[in-house]
């Protein structure tokens, strides 16, 4: 099954994510250990949100803004099984163990 995407929209949204990633990379390169920690724990969440936005809106393009909720726009794509640090922290280290 061919999936139709709005190529121009996808390019624009990926460019936005790329700029956010470049900002994070600059912050790490030019900053100290605390800046690097902030990038890892906070800034990359925004990069992922922008990437999720690109994936979640690729088919609808700008129409997605009125068709999807804000949460749906930036949520992890359902077909991509990634977890946040908070979700990982709540998982047991090994099967059968209690969550952290």
PDB file of N, CA and C in Angstrom:
ATOM      1  N   UNK A   1       0.838  -1.178   0.000  1.00  0.00           N
ATOM      2  CA  UNK A   1       0.000   0.000   0.000  1.00  0.00           C
ATOM      3  C   UNK A   1       0.884   1.242   0.000  1.00  0.00           C
ATOM      4  N   UNK A   2       0.685   2.116  -0.974  1.00  0.00           N
ATOM      5  CA  UNK A   2       1.436   3.360  -1.046  1.00  0.00           C
ATOM      6  C   UNK A   2       0.883   4.377  -0.067  1.00  0.00           C
ATOM      7  N   UNK A   3       1.777   5.003   0.662  1.00  0.00           N
ATOM      8  CA  UNK A   3       1.389   6.039   1.608  1.00  0.00           C
ATOM      9  C   UNK A   3       1.714   7.382   0.975  1.00  0.00           C
ATOM     10  N   UNK A   4       0.705   8.205   0.844  1.00  0.00           N
ATOM     11  CA  UNK A   4       0.906   9.538   0.279  1.00  0.00           C
ATOM     12  C   UNK A   4       1.286  10.486   1.414  1.00  0.00           C
ATOM     13  N   UNK A   5       2.319  11.265   1.169  1.00  0.00           N
ATOM     14  CA  UNK A   5       2.723  12.257   2.147  1.00  0.00           C
ATOM     15  C   UNK A   5       2.789  13.616   1.480  1.00  0.00           C
ATOM     16  N   UNK A   6       2.699  14.641   2.283  1.00  0.00           N
ATOM     17  CA  UNK A   6       2.873  16.016   1.815  1.00  0.00           C
ATOM     18  C   UNK A   6       4.368  16.304   1.917  1.00  0.00           C
ATOM     19  N   UNK A   7       5.070  16.124   0.800  1.00  0.00           N
ATOM     20  CA  UNK A   7       6.530  16.202   0.790  1.00  0.00           C
ATOM     21  C   UNK A   7       7.042  17.560   1.271  1.00  0.00           C
ATOM     22  N   UNK A   8       6.445  18.634   0.820  1.00  0.00           N
ATOM     23  CA  UNK A   8       6.894  19.969   1.234  1.00  0.00           C
ATOM     24  C   UNK A   8       6.708  20.170   2.733  1.00  0.00           C
ATOM     25  N   UNK A   9       5.568  19.699   3.252  1.00  0.00           N
ATOM     26  CA  UNK A   9       5.293  19.807   4.689  1.00  0.00           C
ATOM     27  C   UNK A   9       6.303  18.985   5.478  1.00  0.00           C
ATOM     28  N   UNK A  10       6.556  17.755   5.019  1.00  0.00           N
ATOM     29  CA  UNK A  10       7.513  16.898   5.701  1.00  0.00           C
ATOM     30  C   UNK A  10       8.894  17.552   5.721  1.00  0.00           C
ATOM     31  N   UNK A  11       9.293  18.120   4.609  1.00  0.00           N
ATOM     32  CA  UNK A  11      10.591  18.786   4.552  1.00  0.00           C
ATOM     33  C   UNK A  11      10.649  19.938   5.555  1.00  0.00           C
ATOM     34  N   UNK A  12       9.614  20.742   5.609  1.00  0.00           N
ATOM     35  CA  UNK A  12       9.586  21.886   6.529  1.00  0.00           C
ATOM     36  C   UNK A  12       9.621  21.440   7.983  1.00  0.00           C
ATOM     37  N   UNK A  13       8.863  20.400   8.319  1.00  0.00           N
ATOM     38  CA  UNK A  13       8.831  19.939   9.707  1.00  0.00           C
ATOM     39  C   UNK A  13      10.139  19.255  10.105  1.00  0.00           C
ATOM     40  N   UNK A  14      10.748  18.534   9.167  1.00  0.00           N
ATOM     41  CA  UNK A  14      12.046  17.929   9.459  1.00  0.00           C
ATOM     42  C   UNK A  14      13.132  19.002   9.586  1.00  0.00           C
ATOM     43  N   UNK A  15      13.026  20.059   8.811  1.00  0.00           N
ATOM     44  CA  UNK A  15      13.966  21.169   8.935  1.00  0.00           C
ATOM     45  C   UNK A  15      13.873  21.794  10.324  1.00  0.00           C
ATOM     46  N   UNK A  16      12.652  21.944  10.831  1.00  0.00           N
ATOM     47  CA  UNK A  16      12.447  22.477  12.183  1.00  0.00           C
ATOM     48  C   UNK A  16      13.107  21.569  13.222  1.00  0.00           C
ATOM     49  N   UNK A  17      12.931  20.269  13.069  1.00  0.00           N
ATOM     50  CA  UNK A  17      13.560  19.311  13.989  1.00  0.00           C
ATOM     51  C   UNK A  17      15.082  19.375  13.867  1.00  0.00           C
ATOM     52  N   UNK A  18      15.568  19.525  12.665  1.00  0.00           N
ATOM     53  CA  UNK A  18      17.010  19.607  12.433  1.00  0.00           C
ATOM     54  C   UNK A  18      17.594  20.834  13.127  1.00  0.00           C
ATOM     55  N   UNK A  19      16.908  21.962  13.031  1.00  0.00           N
ATOM     56  CA  UNK A  19      17.374  23.181  13.700  1.00  0.00           C
ATOM     57  C   UNK A  19      17.414  22.989  15.217  1.00  0.00           C
ATOM     58  N   UNK A  20      16.407  22.327  15.764  1.00  0.00           N
ATOM     59  CA  UNK A  20      16.385  22.068  17.208  1.00  0.00           C
ATOM     60  C   UNK A  20      17.543  21.154  17.609  1.00  0.00           C
ATOM     61  N   UNK A  21      17.832  20.153  16.789  1.00  0.00           N
ATOM     62  CA  UNK A  21      18.954  19.261  17.069  1.00  0.00           C
ATOM     63  C   UNK A  21      20.278  20.008  16.952  1.00  0.00           C
ATOM     64  N   UNK A  22      20.404  20.849  15.954  1.00  0.00           N
ATOM     65  CA  UNK A  22      21.636  21.631  15.807  1.00  0.00           C
ATOM     66  C   UNK A  22      21.846  22.552  17.001  1.00  0.00           C
ATOM     67  N   UNK A  23      20.772  23.166  17.500  1.00  0.00           N
ATOM     68  CA  UNK A  23      20.877  24.002  18.699  1.00  0.00           C
ATOM     69  C   UNK A  23      21.361  23.178  19.894  1.00  0.00           C
ATOM     70  N   UNK A  24      20.808  21.968  20.035  1.00  0.00           N
ATOM     71  CA  UNK A  24      21.216  21.091  21.137  1.00  0.00           C
ATOM     72  C   UNK A  24      22.683  20.702  20.999  1.00  0.00           C
ATOM     73  N   UNK A  25      23.103  20.397  19.795  1.00  0.00           N
ATOM     74  CA  UNK A  25      24.499  20.020  19.566  1.00  0.00           C
ATOM     75  C   UNK A  25      25.440  21.181  19.884  1.00  0.00           C
ATOM     76  N   UNK A  26      25.059  22.380  19.506  1.00  0.00           N
ATOM     77  CA  UNK A  26      25.873  23.560  19.806  1.00  0.00           C
ATOM     78  C   UNK A  26      25.974  23.785  21.309  1.00  0.00           C
ATOM     79  N   UNK A  27      24.853  23.576  21.996  1.00  0.00           N
ATOM     80  CA  UNK A  27      24.832  23.755  23.450  1.00  0.00           C
ATOM     81  C   UNK A  27      25.790  22.781  24.124  1.00  0.00           C
ATOM     82  N   UNK A  28      25.846  21.556  23.628  1.00  0.00           N
ATOM     83  CA  UNK A  28      26.760  20.565  24.190  1.00  0.00           C
ATOM     84  C   UNK A  28      28.206  20.939  23.854  1.00  0.00           C
ATOM     85  N   UNK A  29      28.448  21.294  22.607  1.00  0.00           N
ATOM     86  CA  UNK A  29      29.813  21.606  22.170  1.00  0.00           C
ATOM     87  C   UNK A  29      30.388  22.819  22.888  1.00  0.00           C
ATOM     88  N   UNK A  30      29.554  23.811  23.128  1.00  0.00           N
ATOM     89  CA  UNK A  30      30.026  25.070  23.700  1.00  0.00           C
ATOM     90  C   UNK A  30      29.846  25.156  25.214  1.00  0.00           C
ATOM     91  N   UNK A  31      29.065  24.246  25.780  1.00  0.00           N
ATOM     92  CA  UNK A  31      28.733  24.333  27.199  1.00  0.00           C
ATOM     93  C   UNK A  31      29.561  23.425  28.076  1.00  0.00           C
ATOM     94  N   UNK A  32      29.120  23.354  29.314  1.00  0.00           N
ATOM     95  CA  UNK A  32      29.785  22.508  30.300  1.00  0.00           C
ATOM     96  C   UNK A  32      28.976  21.231  30.517  1.00  0.00           C
ATOM     97  N   UNK A  33      29.354  20.473  31.544  1.00  0.00           N
ATOM     98  CA  UNK A  33      28.660  19.214  31.832  1.00  0.00           C
ATOM     99  C   UNK A  33      27.189  19.419  32.174  1.00  0.00           C
ATOM    100  N   UNK A  34      26.878  20.512  32.874  1.00  0.00           N
ATOM    101  CA  UNK A  34      25.476  20.802  33.213  1.00  0.00           C
ATOM    102  C   UNK A  34      24.662  21.088  31.958  1.00  0.00           C
ATOM    103  N   UNK A  35      25.253  21.794  30.999  1.00  0.00           N
ATOM    104  CA  UNK A  35      24.561  22.055  29.740  1.00  0.00           C
ATOM    105  C   UNK A  35      24.299  20.745  29.004  1.00  0.00           C
ATOM    106  N   UNK A  36      25.285  19.870  29.003  1.00  0.00           N
ATOM    107  CA  UNK A  36      25.118  18.567  28.342  1.00  0.00           C
ATOM    108  C   UNK A  36      24.004  17.764  29.005  1.00  0.00           C
ATOM    109  N   UNK A  37      23.971  17.803  30.344  1.00  0.00           N
ATOM    110  CA  UNK A  37      22.914  17.089  31.069  1.00  0.00           C
ATOM    111  C   UNK A  37      21.542  17.669  30.718  1.00  0.00           C
ATOM    112  N   UNK A  38      21.451  18.993  30.639  1.00  0.00           N
ATOM    113  CA  UNK A  38      20.184  19.636  30.282  1.00  0.00           C
ATOM    114  C   UNK A  38      19.742  19.243  28.879  1.00  0.00           C
ATOM    115  N   UNK A  39      20.687  19.163  27.963  1.00  0.00           N
ATOM    116  CA  UNK A  39      20.359  18.734  26.602  1.00  0.00           C
ATOM    117  C   UNK A  39      19.812  17.317  26.624  1.00  0.00           C
ATOM    118  N   UNK A  40      20.504  16.430  27.323  1.00  0.00           N
ATOM    119  CA  UNK A  40      20.086  15.030  27.366  1.00  0.00           C
ATOM    120  C   UNK A  40      18.721  14.857  28.003  1.00  0.00           C
ATOM    121  N   UNK A  41      18.486  15.561  29.104  1.00  0.00           N
ATOM    122  CA  UNK A  41      17.253  15.349  29.858  1.00  0.00           C
ATOM    123  C   UNK A  41      16.078  16.208  29.405  1.00  0.00           C
ATOM    124  N   UNK A  42      16.345  17.316  28.701  1.00  0.00           N
ATOM    125  CA  UNK A  42      15.246  18.215  28.352  1.00  0.00           C
ATOM    126  C   UNK A  42      15.195  18.576  26.868  1.00  0.00           C
ATOM    127  N   UNK A  43      16.288  19.081  26.342  1.00  0.00           N
ATOM    128  CA  UNK A  43      16.273  19.588  24.970  1.00  0.00           C
ATOM    129  C   UNK A  43      15.971  18.497  23.947  1.00  0.00           C
ATOM    130  N   UNK A  44      16.499  17.302  24.181  1.00  0.00           N
ATOM    131  CA  UNK A  44      16.244  16.223  23.223  1.00  0.00           C
ATOM    132  C   UNK A  44      14.780  15.802  23.213  1.00  0.00           C
ATOM    133  N   UNK A  45      14.082  16.015  24.314  1.00  0.00           N
ATOM    134  CA  UNK A  45      12.639  15.738  24.334  1.00  0.00           C
ATOM    135  C   UNK A  45      11.947  16.615  23.295  1.00  0.00           C
ATOM    136  N   UNK A  46      12.387  17.863  23.183  1.00  0.00           N
ATOM    137  CA  UNK A  46      11.804  18.781  22.206  1.00  0.00           C
ATOM    138  C   UNK A  46      12.167  18.370  20.778  1.00  0.00           C
ATOM    139  N   UNK A  47      13.383  17.873  20.594  1.00  0.00           N
ATOM    140  CA  UNK A  47      13.780  17.384  19.272  1.00  0.00           C
ATOM    141  C   UNK A  47      12.894  16.215  18.875  1.00  0.00           C
ATOM    142  N   UNK A  48      12.708  15.267  19.802  1.00  0.00           N
ATOM    143  CA  UNK A  48      11.840  14.132  19.506  1.00  0.00           C
ATOM    144  C   UNK A  48      10.407  14.577  19.231  1.00  0.00           C
ATOM    145  N   UNK A  49       9.906  15.548  19.987  1.00  0.00           N
ATOM    146  CA  UNK A  49       8.549  16.045  19.752  1.00  0.00           C
ATOM    147  C   UNK A  49       8.436  16.605  18.339  1.00  0.00           C
ATOM    148  N   UNK A  50       9.471  17.306  17.900  1.00  0.00           N
ATOM    149  CA  UNK A  50       9.452  17.861  16.545  1.00  0.00           C
ATOM    150  C   UNK A  50       9.529  16.755  15.488  1.00  0.00           C
ATOM    151  N   UNK A  51      10.307  15.722  15.763  1.00  0.00           N
ATOM    152  CA  UNK A  51      10.354  14.586  14.843  1.00  0.00           C
ATOM    153  C   UNK A  51       9.018  13.847  14.821  1.00  0.00           C
ATOM    154  N   UNK A  52       8.432  13.656  16.002  1.00  0.00           N
ATOM    155  CA  UNK A  52       7.118  13.016  16.081  1.00  0.00           C
ATOM    156  C   UNK A  52       6.090  13.824  15.302  1.00  0.00           C
ATOM    157  N   UNK A  53       6.149  15.137  15.451  1.00  0.00           N
ATOM    158  CA  UNK A  53       5.245  16.040  14.728  1.00  0.00           C
ATOM    159  C   UNK A  53       5.397  15.830  13.222  1.00  0.00           C
ATOM    160  N   UNK A  54       6.638  15.720  12.773  1.00  0.00           N
ATOM    161  CA  UNK A  54       6.877  15.498  11.340  1.00  0.00           C
ATOM    162  C   UNK A  54       6.244  14.189  10.878  1.00  0.00           C
ATOM    163  N   UNK A  55       6.424  13.135  11.661  1.00  0.00           N
ATOM    164  CA  UNK A  55       5.859  11.831  11.299  1.00  0.00           C
ATOM    165  C   UNK A  55       4.332  11.855  11.363  1.00  0.00           C
ATOM    166  N   UNK A  56       3.790  12.392  12.453  1.00  0.00           N
ATOM    167  CA  UNK A  56       2.346  12.356  12.675  1.00  0.00           C
ATOM    168  C   UNK A  56       1.552  13.242  11.725  1.00  0.00           C
ATOM    169  N   UNK A  57       2.205  14.238  11.127  1.00  0.00           N
ATOM    170  CA  UNK A  57       1.496  15.161  10.230  1.00  0.00           C
ATOM    171  C   UNK A  57       1.862  14.963   8.769  1.00  0.00           C
ATOM    172  N   UNK A  58       2.758  14.045   8.476  1.00  0.00           N
ATOM    173  CA  UNK A  58       3.267  13.886   7.111  1.00  0.00           C
ATOM    174  C   UNK A  58       2.177  13.597   6.084  1.00  0.00           C
ATOM    175  N   UNK A  59       1.196  12.820   6.459  1.00  0.00           N
ATOM    176  CA  UNK A  59       0.132  12.474   5.499  1.00  0.00           C
ATOM    177  C   UNK A  59      -0.866  13.601   5.306  1.00  0.00           C
ATOM    178  N   UNK A  60      -1.208  14.287   6.377  1.00  0.00           N
ATOM    179  CA  UNK A  60      -2.229  15.340   6.298  1.00  0.00           C
ATOM    180  C   UNK A  60      -1.658  16.711   5.986  1.00  0.00           C
ATOM    181  N   UNK A  61      -0.373  16.892   6.215  1.00  0.00           N
ATOM    182  CA  UNK A  61       0.222  18.211   6.021  1.00  0.00           C
ATOM    183  C   UNK A  61      -0.399  19.209   6.975  1.00  0.00           C
ATOM    184  N   UNK A  62      -0.564  20.459   6.539  1.00  0.00           N
ATOM    185  CA  UNK A  62      -1.100  21.486   7.425  1.00  0.00           C
ATOM    186  C   UNK A  62      -2.503  21.172   7.950  1.00  0.00           C
ATOM    187  N   UNK A  63      -3.259  20.344   7.251  1.00  0.00           N
ATOM    188  CA  UNK A  63      -4.607  19.980   7.702  1.00  0.00           C
ATOM    189  C   UNK A  63      -4.562  19.235   9.031  1.00  0.00           C
ATOM    190  N   UNK A  64      -3.420  18.654   9.367  1.00  0.00           N
ATOM    191  CA  UNK A  64      -3.273  17.932  10.638  1.00  0.00           C
ATOM    192  C   UNK A  64      -3.476  18.863  11.830  1.00  0.00           C
ATOM    193  N   UNK A  65      -3.173  20.137  11.655  1.00  0.00           N
ATOM    194  CA  UNK A  65      -3.307  21.090  12.757  1.00  0.00           C
ATOM    195  C   UNK A  65      -4.736  21.209  13.250  1.00  0.00           C
ATOM    196  N   UNK A  66      -5.696  21.033  12.366  1.00  0.00           N
ATOM    197  CA  UNK A  66      -7.097  21.087  12.787  1.00  0.00           C
ATOM    198  C   UNK A  66      -7.704  19.698  12.973  1.00  0.00           C
ATOM    199  N   UNK A  67      -7.034  18.666  12.483  1.00  0.00           N
ATOM    200  CA  UNK A  67      -7.564  17.305  12.578  1.00  0.00           C
ATOM    201  C   UNK A  67      -7.080  16.549  13.812  1.00  0.00           C
ATOM    202  N   UNK A  68      -5.928  16.935  14.349  1.00  0.00           N
ATOM    203  CA  UNK A  68      -5.340  16.216  15.470  1.00  0.00           C
ATOM    204  C   UNK A  68      -5.236  17.118  16.693  1.00  0.00           C
ATOM    205  N   UNK A  69      -5.313  16.506  17.874  1.00  0.00           N
ATOM    206  CA  UNK A  69      -5.115  17.266  19.112  1.00  0.00           C
ATOM    207  C   UNK A  69      -3.622  17.582  19.246  1.00  0.00           C
ATOM    208  N   UNK A  70      -3.303  18.494  20.149  1.00  0.00           N
ATOM    209  CA  UNK A  70      -1.892  18.827  20.381  1.00  0.00           C
ATOM    210  C   UNK A  70      -1.113  17.593  20.814  1.00  0.00           C
ATOM    211  N   UNK A  71      -1.720  16.789  21.685  1.00  0.00           N
ATOM    212  CA  UNK A  71      -1.060  15.562  22.132  1.00  0.00           C
ATOM    213  C   UNK A  71      -0.819  14.603  20.970  1.00  0.00           C
ATOM    214  N   UNK A  72      -1.785  14.477  20.069  1.00  0.00           N
ATOM    215  CA  UNK A  72      -1.626  13.593  18.916  1.00  0.00           C
ATOM    216  C   UNK A  72      -0.554  14.105  17.954  1.00  0.00           C
ATOM    217  N   UNK A  73      -0.402  15.413  17.878  1.00  0.00           N
ATOM    218  CA  UNK A  73       0.594  15.992  16.981  1.00  0.00           C
ATOM    219  C   UNK A  73       2.018  15.629  17.398  1.00  0.00           C
ATOM    220  N   UNK A  74       2.270  15.612  18.714  1.00  0.00           N
ATOM    221  CA  UNK A  74       3.646  15.408  19.180  1.00  0.00           C
ATOM    222  C   UNK A  74       3.878  14.059  19.863  1.00  0.00           C
ATOM    223  N   UNK A  75       2.857  13.224  19.911  1.00  0.00           N
ATOM    224  CA  UNK A  75       2.984  11.913  20.573  1.00  0.00           C
ATOM    225  C   UNK A  75       3.928  11.007  19.797  1.00  0.00           C
ATOM    226  N   UNK A  76       4.500  10.045  20.518  1.00  0.00           N
ATOM    227  CA  UNK A  76       5.311   9.044  19.838  1.00  0.00           C
ATOM    228  C   UNK A  76       4.443   8.406  18.755  1.00  0.00           C
ATOM    229  N   UNK A  77       4.950   8.275  17.544  1.00  0.00           N
ATOM    230  CA  UNK A  77       4.164   7.586  16.503  1.00  0.00           C
ATOM    231  C   UNK A  77       3.845   6.159  16.948  1.00  0.00           C
ATOM    232  N   UNK A  78       2.598   5.781  16.802  1.00  0.00           N
ATOM    233  CA  UNK A  78       2.126   4.483  17.294  1.00  0.00           C
ATOM    234  C   UNK A  78       2.928   3.314  16.733  1.00  0.00           C
ATOM    235  N   UNK A  79       3.447   3.453  15.543  1.00  0.00           N
ATOM    236  CA  UNK A  79       4.189   2.351  14.924  1.00  0.00           C
ATOM    237  C   UNK A  79       5.684   2.386  15.237  1.00  0.00           C
ATOM    238  N   UNK A  80       6.093   3.313  16.097  1.00  0.00           N
ATOM    239  CA  UNK A  80       7.506   3.419  16.472  1.00  0.00           C
ATOM    240  C   UNK A  80       7.608   3.244  17.982  1.00  0.00           C
ATOM    241  N   UNK A  81       8.039   2.089  18.443  1.00  0.00           N
ATOM    242  CA  UNK A  81       8.002   1.769  19.878  1.00  0.00           C
ATOM    243  C   UNK A  81       9.158   2.361  20.688  1.00  0.00           C
ATOM    244  N   UNK A  82       9.212   3.687  20.790  1.00  0.00           N
ATOM    245  CA  UNK A  82      10.226   4.340  21.604  1.00  0.00           C
ATOM    246  C   UNK A  82       9.625   4.686  22.958  1.00  0.00           C
ATOM    247  N   UNK A  83      10.466   4.764  23.987  1.00  0.00           N
ATOM    248  CA  UNK A  83      10.004   5.124  25.324  1.00  0.00           C
ATOM    249  C   UNK A  83      10.757   6.351  25.817  1.00  0.00           C
ATOM    250  N   UNK A  84      10.112   7.149  26.671  1.00  0.00           N
ATOM    251  CA  UNK A  84      10.767   8.287  27.291  1.00  0.00           C
ATOM    252  C   UNK A  84      11.570   7.808  28.491  1.00  0.00           C
ATOM    253  N   UNK A  85      12.450   8.666  29.012  1.00  0.00           N
ATOM    254  CA  UNK A  85      13.199   8.310  30.224  1.00  0.00           C
ATOM    255  C   UNK A  85      12.243   8.007  31.368  1.00  0.00           C
ATOM    256  N   UNK A  86      11.172   8.794  31.503  1.00  0.00           N
ATOM    257  CA  UNK A  86      10.209   8.545  32.576  1.00  0.00           C
ATOM    258  C   UNK A  86       9.585   7.166  32.433  1.00  0.00           C
ATOM    259  N   UNK A  87       9.245   6.780  31.194  1.00  0.00           N
ATOM    260  CA  UNK A  87       8.672   5.455  30.979  1.00  0.00           C
ATOM    261  C   UNK A  87       9.705   4.366  31.274  1.00  0.00           C
ATOM    262  N   UNK A  88      10.938   4.591  30.855  1.00  0.00           N
ATOM    263  CA  UNK A  88      12.000   3.617  31.131  1.00  0.00           C
ATOM    264  C   UNK A  88      12.258   3.491  32.618  1.00  0.00           C
ATOM    265  N   UNK A  89      12.248   4.628  33.346  1.00  0.00           N
ATOM    266  CA  UNK A  89      12.475   4.608  34.790  1.00  0.00           C
ATOM    267  C   UNK A  89      11.398   3.815  35.513  1.00  0.00           C
ATOM    268  N   UNK A  90      10.199   3.760  34.956  1.00  0.00           N
ATOM    269  CA  UNK A  90       9.099   3.041  35.584  1.00  0.00           C
ATOM    270  C   UNK A  90       9.074   1.565  35.257  1.00  0.00           C
ATOM    271  N   UNK A  91       9.988   1.125  34.403  1.00  0.00           N
ATOM    272  CA  UNK A  91      10.021  -0.281  34.006  1.00  0.00           C
ATOM    273  C   UNK A  91      10.998  -1.064  34.881  1.00  0.00           C
ATOM    274  N   UNK A  92      10.729  -2.318  35.112  1.00  0.00           N
ATOM    275  CA  UNK A  92      11.674  -3.138  35.874  1.00  0.00           C
ATOM    276  C   UNK A  92      12.966  -3.320  35.077  1.00  0.00           C
ATOM    277  N   UNK A  93      14.083  -3.424  35.782  1.00  0.00           N
ATOM    278  CA  UNK A  93      15.369  -3.625  35.118  1.00  0.00           C
ATOM    279  C   UNK A  93      15.418  -4.984  34.431  1.00  0.00           C
ATOM    280  N   UNK A  94      14.816  -5.980  35.063  1.00  0.00           N
ATOM    281  CA  UNK A  94      14.784  -7.342  34.528  1.00  0.00           C
ATOM    282  C   UNK A  94      13.363  -7.869  34.628  1.00  0.00           C
ATOM    283  N   UNK A  95      12.967  -8.744  33.719  1.00  0.00           N
ATOM    284  CA  UNK A  95      11.618  -9.333  33.832  1.00  0.00           C
ATOM    285  C   UNK A  95      11.427  -9.974  35.194  1.00  0.00           C
ATOM    286  N   UNK A  96      10.278  -9.742  35.795  1.00  0.00           N
ATOM    287  CA  UNK A  96       9.959 -10.307  37.100  1.00  0.00           C
ATOM    288  C   UNK A  96      10.326  -9.405  38.269  1.00  0.00           C
ATOM    289  N   UNK A  97      11.123  -8.340  38.023  1.00  0.00           N
ATOM    290  CA  UNK A  97      11.487  -7.415  39.088  1.00  0.00           C
ATOM    291  C   UNK A  97      10.437  -6.311  39.176  1.00  0.00           C
ATOM    292  N   UNK A  98      10.468  -5.585  40.308  1.00  0.00           N
ATOM    293  CA  UNK A  98       9.571  -4.446  40.456  1.00  0.00           C
ATOM    294  C   UNK A  98      10.114  -3.271  39.682  1.00  0.00           C
ATOM    295  N   UNK A  99       9.212  -2.350  39.318  1.00  0.00           N
ATOM    296  CA  UNK A  99       9.629  -1.142  38.616  1.00  0.00           C
ATOM    297  C   UNK A  99      10.475  -0.284  39.528  1.00  0.00           C
ATOM    298  N   UNK A 100      11.321   0.554  38.908  1.00  0.00           N
ATOM    299  CA  UNK A 100      12.207   1.462  39.673  1.00  0.00           C
ATOM    300  C   UNK A 100      11.431   2.471  40.456  1.00  0.00           C
TER     301      UNK A 100
END
